[in-house]
Amino acid sequence: LTEGYQQFSPRLYFLLSDELIAAGEVGTYDFVFIDADKINYDTYYEKSLQLIRTVGIIAIDNVLWSGRVVNPAPNDLQSQSLDALNKKIHKDQRVDLSMLTVGDGLTIAIKR
């Protein structure tokens, strides 16, 4: 399944998620795993929330980003994006949240 997944661009993901949403797939998925370009993680998260059902799981990889999300450098857009998403999800009343501090960090968000 993962063979060749690198060929998928963020643009393709947006198209696929938008097509799934337009096709009436909202609320029909049990699990989404996000591990892609960090700058677009927030968009992936929002699209995933539309696609998963209540009590569905969104797993987000690299949320600690080797510790660079703590006080990210002004020119480090990836770390800034991850930091902003972490703060957003922490306050997001649409999900129950847990962050695993293994590796580069993994967030588990369960849709309410």
N, C-alpha and C. Protein backbone atom coordinates (compact mmCIF):
# COMPACT_ATOMS: atom_id res chain seq x y z
N LEU A 1 0.81 -1.20 0.00
CA LEU A 1 0.00 0.00 0.00
C LEU A 1 0.85 1.26 0.00
N THR A 2 1.97 1.25 0.74
CA THR A 2 2.77 2.47 0.81
C THR A 2 3.70 2.62 -0.38
N GLU A 3 3.86 1.58 -1.17
CA GLU A 3 4.76 1.66 -2.32
C GLU A 3 4.28 2.74 -3.28
N GLY A 4 5.14 3.69 -3.53
CA GLY A 4 4.81 4.75 -4.48
C GLY A 4 3.96 5.87 -3.91
N TYR A 5 3.70 5.85 -2.60
CA TYR A 5 2.84 6.91 -2.06
C TYR A 5 3.48 8.28 -2.17
N GLN A 6 4.80 8.33 -2.31
CA GLN A 6 5.48 9.62 -2.44
C GLN A 6 5.04 10.37 -3.69
N GLN A 7 4.49 9.67 -4.65
CA GLN A 7 4.05 10.32 -5.88
C GLN A 7 2.82 11.20 -5.65
N PHE A 8 2.13 11.02 -4.53
CA PHE A 8 0.95 11.84 -4.26
C PHE A 8 1.37 13.20 -3.75
N SER A 9 0.90 14.21 -4.39
CA SER A 9 1.23 15.57 -3.99
C SER A 9 0.11 16.12 -3.12
N PRO A 10 0.37 17.21 -2.40
CA PRO A 10 -0.71 17.82 -1.62
C PRO A 10 -1.90 18.19 -2.51
N ARG A 11 -1.63 18.61 -3.72
CA ARG A 11 -2.71 18.97 -4.63
C ARG A 11 -3.61 17.77 -4.90
N LEU A 12 -3.01 16.60 -5.10
CA LEU A 12 -3.79 15.40 -5.35
C LEU A 12 -4.62 15.05 -4.13
N TYR A 13 -4.04 15.17 -2.93
CA TYR A 13 -4.81 14.88 -1.72
C TYR A 13 -6.03 15.80 -1.63
N PHE A 14 -5.84 17.09 -1.88
CA PHE A 14 -6.96 18.01 -1.83
C PHE A 14 -8.03 17.60 -2.83
N LEU A 15 -7.61 17.23 -4.02
CA LEU A 15 -8.57 16.81 -5.04
C LEU A 15 -9.31 15.56 -4.58
N LEU A 16 -8.58 14.59 -4.06
CA LEU A 16 -9.22 13.36 -3.62
C LEU A 16 -10.18 13.63 -2.47
N SER A 17 -9.74 14.40 -1.48
CA SER A 17 -10.62 14.66 -0.34
C SER A 17 -11.83 15.48 -0.77
N ASP A 18 -11.63 16.46 -1.64
CA ASP A 18 -12.76 17.25 -2.13
C ASP A 18 -13.72 16.38 -2.93
N GLU A 19 -13.19 15.48 -3.74
CA GLU A 19 -14.05 14.57 -4.51
C GLU A 19 -14.82 13.64 -3.60
N LEU A 20 -14.15 13.14 -2.56
CA LEU A 20 -14.83 12.26 -1.61
C LEU A 20 -15.95 13.00 -0.88
N ILE A 21 -15.67 14.22 -0.49
CA ILE A 21 -16.69 15.04 0.19
C ILE A 21 -17.86 15.31 -0.76
N ALA A 22 -17.55 15.68 -2.00
CA ALA A 22 -18.60 15.96 -2.99
C ALA A 22 -19.41 14.71 -3.32
N ALA A 23 -18.77 13.53 -3.22
CA ALA A 23 -19.46 12.28 -3.55
C ALA A 23 -20.30 11.76 -2.38
N GLY A 24 -20.37 12.54 -1.31
CA GLY A 24 -21.21 12.13 -0.19
C GLY A 24 -20.52 11.23 0.82
N GLU A 25 -19.19 11.23 0.82
CA GLU A 25 -18.43 10.36 1.73
C GLU A 25 -18.21 10.98 3.11
N VAL A 26 -18.81 12.13 3.36
CA VAL A 26 -18.66 12.80 4.65
C VAL A 26 -19.14 11.86 5.76
N GLY A 27 -18.31 11.73 6.79
CA GLY A 27 -18.69 10.94 7.95
C GLY A 27 -18.69 9.44 7.76
N THR A 28 -17.96 8.95 6.76
CA THR A 28 -17.99 7.51 6.48
C THR A 28 -16.67 6.78 6.75
N TYR A 29 -15.63 7.49 7.11
CA TYR A 29 -14.34 6.87 7.33
C TYR A 29 -14.07 6.69 8.82
N ASP A 30 -13.35 5.63 9.16
CA ASP A 30 -13.02 5.31 10.55
C ASP A 30 -11.66 5.87 10.97
N PHE A 31 -10.74 5.99 10.02
CA PHE A 31 -9.36 6.31 10.37
C PHE A 31 -8.70 7.09 9.25
N VAL A 32 -7.95 8.13 9.64
CA VAL A 32 -7.13 8.90 8.70
C VAL A 32 -5.75 9.05 9.34
N PHE A 33 -4.71 8.83 8.56
CA PHE A 33 -3.33 9.02 9.01
C PHE A 33 -2.73 10.15 8.19
N ILE A 34 -2.26 11.19 8.88
CA ILE A 34 -1.67 12.34 8.20
C ILE A 34 -0.16 12.32 8.39
N ASP A 35 0.55 12.21 7.30
CA ASP A 35 2.01 12.28 7.27
C ASP A 35 2.39 12.81 5.90
N ALA A 36 2.43 14.11 5.79
CA ALA A 36 2.65 14.74 4.48
C ALA A 36 3.41 16.04 4.68
N ASP A 37 3.27 16.95 3.74
CA ASP A 37 3.96 18.23 3.88
C ASP A 37 3.37 18.97 5.07
N LYS A 38 4.22 19.41 5.96
CA LYS A 38 3.80 19.95 7.26
C LYS A 38 3.02 21.26 7.14
N ILE A 39 3.33 22.05 6.16
CA ILE A 39 2.68 23.35 6.01
C ILE A 39 1.18 23.19 5.76
N ASN A 40 0.77 22.10 5.14
CA ASN A 40 -0.65 21.88 4.85
C ASN A 40 -1.35 20.97 5.85
N TYR A 41 -0.70 20.63 6.96
CA TYR A 41 -1.32 19.74 7.95
C TYR A 41 -2.68 20.26 8.42
N ASP A 42 -2.82 21.55 8.63
CA ASP A 42 -4.09 22.09 9.10
C ASP A 42 -5.21 21.80 8.11
N THR A 43 -4.94 21.97 6.84
CA THR A 43 -5.95 21.68 5.81
C THR A 43 -6.28 20.20 5.80
N TYR A 44 -5.26 19.35 5.89
CA TYR A 44 -5.50 17.90 5.94
C TYR A 44 -6.36 17.54 7.15
N TYR A 45 -6.08 18.17 8.28
CA TYR A 45 -6.84 17.91 9.50
C TYR A 45 -8.30 18.29 9.31
N GLU A 46 -8.56 19.47 8.76
CA GLU A 46 -9.94 19.92 8.57
C GLU A 46 -10.70 19.02 7.59
N LYS A 47 -10.05 18.64 6.50
CA LYS A 47 -10.70 17.75 5.52
C LYS A 47 -10.97 16.39 6.17
N SER A 48 -10.00 15.91 6.96
CA SER A 48 -10.16 14.62 7.62
C SER A 48 -11.32 14.64 8.60
N LEU A 49 -11.49 15.74 9.32
CA LEU A 49 -12.62 15.86 10.25
C LEU A 49 -13.96 15.73 9.51
N GLN A 50 -14.01 16.19 8.29
CA GLN A 50 -15.24 16.05 7.51
C GLN A 50 -15.47 14.60 7.10
N LEU A 51 -14.39 13.91 6.78
CA LEU A 51 -14.52 12.56 6.23
C LEU A 51 -14.73 11.47 7.29
N ILE A 52 -14.23 11.68 8.50
CA ILE A 52 -14.38 10.61 9.50
C ILE A 52 -15.72 10.72 10.22
N ARG A 53 -16.17 9.57 10.69
CA ARG A 53 -17.43 9.51 11.44
C ARG A 53 -17.17 9.90 12.90
N THR A 54 -18.21 10.08 13.67
CA THR A 54 -18.08 10.30 15.10
C THR A 54 -17.36 9.09 15.70
N VAL A 55 -16.43 9.32 16.56
CA VAL A 55 -15.49 8.38 17.19
C VAL A 55 -14.45 7.84 16.20
N GLY A 56 -14.39 8.40 15.01
CA GLY A 56 -13.31 8.08 14.08
C GLY A 56 -12.01 8.70 14.58
N ILE A 57 -10.91 8.17 14.10
CA ILE A 57 -9.59 8.57 14.59
C ILE A 57 -8.79 9.26 13.50
N ILE A 58 -8.17 10.38 13.86
CA ILE A 58 -7.19 11.04 13.01
C ILE A 58 -5.85 10.92 13.73
N ALA A 59 -4.89 10.27 13.09
CA ALA A 59 -3.53 10.17 13.62
C ALA A 59 -2.64 11.10 12.82
N ILE A 60 -1.92 11.97 13.54
CA ILE A 60 -1.09 12.98 12.88
C ILE A 60 0.36 12.76 13.29
N ASP A 61 1.20 12.45 12.33
CA ASP A 61 2.60 12.13 12.59
C ASP A 61 3.47 13.39 12.64
N ASN A 62 4.58 13.29 13.32
CA ASN A 62 5.63 14.33 13.37
C ASN A 62 5.21 15.60 14.08
N VAL A 63 4.31 15.52 15.05
CA VAL A 63 3.81 16.73 15.70
C VAL A 63 4.82 17.39 16.63
N LEU A 64 5.88 16.68 16.99
CA LEU A 64 6.93 17.30 17.81
C LEU A 64 8.12 17.74 16.97
N TRP A 65 8.27 17.13 15.80
CA TRP A 65 9.24 17.57 14.79
C TRP A 65 10.63 17.80 15.38
N SER A 66 11.13 16.75 16.06
CA SER A 66 12.45 16.78 16.70
C SER A 66 12.60 17.94 17.68
N GLY A 67 11.50 18.34 18.30
CA GLY A 67 11.53 19.42 19.28
C GLY A 67 11.51 20.81 18.68
N ARG A 68 11.51 20.90 17.36
CA ARG A 68 11.57 22.23 16.72
C ARG A 68 10.26 23.01 16.81
N VAL A 69 9.18 22.35 17.26
CA VAL A 69 7.90 23.07 17.39
C VAL A 69 7.88 23.97 18.62
N VAL A 70 8.82 23.75 19.54
CA VAL A 70 8.93 24.62 20.71
C VAL A 70 9.77 25.82 20.30
N ASN A 71 9.16 26.99 20.31
CA ASN A 71 9.82 28.22 19.87
C ASN A 71 10.45 28.07 18.48
N PRO A 72 9.63 27.80 17.47
CA PRO A 72 10.17 27.62 16.12
C PRO A 72 10.87 28.87 15.59
N ALA A 73 11.90 28.65 14.82
CA ALA A 73 12.65 29.75 14.23
C ALA A 73 11.74 30.54 13.27
N PRO A 74 11.98 31.84 13.14
CA PRO A 74 11.13 32.68 12.27
C PRO A 74 11.10 32.21 10.82
N ASN A 75 12.14 31.58 10.35
CA ASN A 75 12.19 31.14 8.96
C ASN A 75 11.81 29.66 8.78
N ASP A 76 11.40 29.00 9.86
CA ASP A 76 11.05 27.58 9.81
C ASP A 76 9.53 27.44 9.72
N LEU A 77 9.02 27.52 8.50
CA LEU A 77 7.57 27.50 8.29
C LEU A 77 6.94 26.15 8.65
N GLN A 78 7.68 25.07 8.46
CA GLN A 78 7.15 23.76 8.81
C GLN A 78 6.91 23.66 10.31
N SER A 79 7.90 24.06 11.10
CA SER A 79 7.76 24.00 12.56
C SER A 79 6.69 24.96 13.04
N GLN A 80 6.61 26.12 12.45
CA GLN A 80 5.57 27.09 12.83
C GLN A 80 4.18 26.51 12.54
N SER A 81 4.05 25.85 11.39
CA SER A 81 2.76 25.25 11.02
C SER A 81 2.36 24.15 12.00
N LEU A 82 3.32 23.31 12.36
CA LEU A 82 3.04 22.24 13.32
C LEU A 82 2.69 22.82 14.69
N ASP A 83 3.42 23.83 15.12
CA ASP A 83 3.15 24.47 16.41
C ASP A 83 1.73 25.05 16.42
N ALA A 84 1.35 25.74 15.36
CA ALA A 84 0.01 26.33 15.27
C ALA A 84 -1.07 25.23 15.29
N LEU A 85 -0.83 24.14 14.57
CA LEU A 85 -1.81 23.05 14.55
C LEU A 85 -1.92 22.40 15.93
N ASN A 86 -0.79 22.16 16.59
CA ASN A 86 -0.83 21.58 17.93
C ASN A 86 -1.66 22.44 18.88
N LYS A 87 -1.46 23.73 18.83
CA LYS A 87 -2.21 24.65 19.69
C LYS A 87 -3.69 24.66 19.33
N LYS A 88 -3.98 24.61 18.04
CA LYS A 88 -5.37 24.60 17.58
C LYS A 88 -6.09 23.33 18.05
N ILE A 89 -5.46 22.17 17.83
CA ILE A 89 -6.10 20.91 18.19
C ILE A 89 -6.28 20.81 19.70
N HIS A 90 -5.33 21.35 20.45
CA HIS A 90 -5.42 21.33 21.92
C HIS A 90 -6.71 22.01 22.40
N LYS A 91 -7.16 23.03 21.68
CA LYS A 91 -8.37 23.78 22.06
C LYS A 91 -9.61 23.32 21.30
N ASP A 92 -9.45 22.40 20.36
CA ASP A 92 -10.54 22.00 19.47
C ASP A 92 -11.57 21.13 20.21
N GLN A 93 -12.76 21.66 20.39
CA GLN A 93 -13.82 20.94 21.11
C GLN A 93 -14.47 19.84 20.26
N ARG A 94 -14.06 19.72 19.01
CA ARG A 94 -14.63 18.68 18.14
C ARG A 94 -13.98 17.33 18.34
N VAL A 95 -12.84 17.31 19.08
CA VAL A 95 -12.09 16.06 19.24
C VAL A 95 -11.66 15.85 20.69
N ASP A 96 -11.45 14.59 21.03
CA ASP A 96 -10.72 14.21 22.24
C ASP A 96 -9.30 13.94 21.79
N LEU A 97 -8.33 14.27 22.61
CA LEU A 97 -6.96 14.35 22.14
C LEU A 97 -5.98 13.62 23.03
N SER A 98 -4.99 13.01 22.39
CA SER A 98 -3.85 12.44 23.09
C SER A 98 -2.63 12.61 22.20
N MET A 99 -1.51 12.95 22.81
CA MET A 99 -0.26 13.06 22.06
C MET A 99 0.73 12.05 22.61
N LEU A 100 1.25 11.22 21.74
CA LEU A 100 2.28 10.26 22.10
C LEU A 100 3.63 10.89 21.81
N THR A 101 4.52 10.83 22.76
CA THR A 101 5.82 11.49 22.61
C THR A 101 6.89 10.54 22.09
N VAL A 102 6.52 9.51 21.39
CA VAL A 102 7.48 8.59 20.78
C VAL A 102 7.96 9.18 19.47
N GLY A 103 9.22 8.92 19.13
CA GLY A 103 9.77 9.43 17.88
C GLY A 103 9.61 10.93 17.77
N ASP A 104 9.03 11.37 16.67
CA ASP A 104 8.79 12.80 16.44
C ASP A 104 7.40 13.22 16.90
N GLY A 105 6.73 12.36 17.64
CA GLY A 105 5.42 12.68 18.19
C GLY A 105 4.28 12.25 17.27
N LEU A 106 3.24 11.77 17.90
CA LEU A 106 2.04 11.33 17.17
C LEU A 106 0.81 11.80 17.93
N THR A 107 -0.03 12.56 17.27
CA THR A 107 -1.28 13.00 17.86
C THR A 107 -2.38 12.06 17.45
N ILE A 108 -3.19 11.68 18.42
CA ILE A 108 -4.38 10.88 18.16
C ILE A 108 -5.58 11.75 18.53
N ALA A 109 -6.40 12.08 17.54
CA ALA A 109 -7.59 12.89 17.76
C ALA A 109 -8.80 12.03 17.44
N ILE A 110 -9.72 11.93 18.39
CA ILE A 110 -10.93 11.14 18.21
C ILE A 110 -12.10 12.11 18.10
N LYS A 111 -12.79 12.01 16.99
CA LYS A 111 -13.90 12.94 16.72
C LYS A 111 -15.05 12.70 17.68
N ARG A 112 -15.53 13.78 18.28
CA ARG A 112 -16.68 13.70 19.20
C ARG A 112 -17.98 13.60 18.43
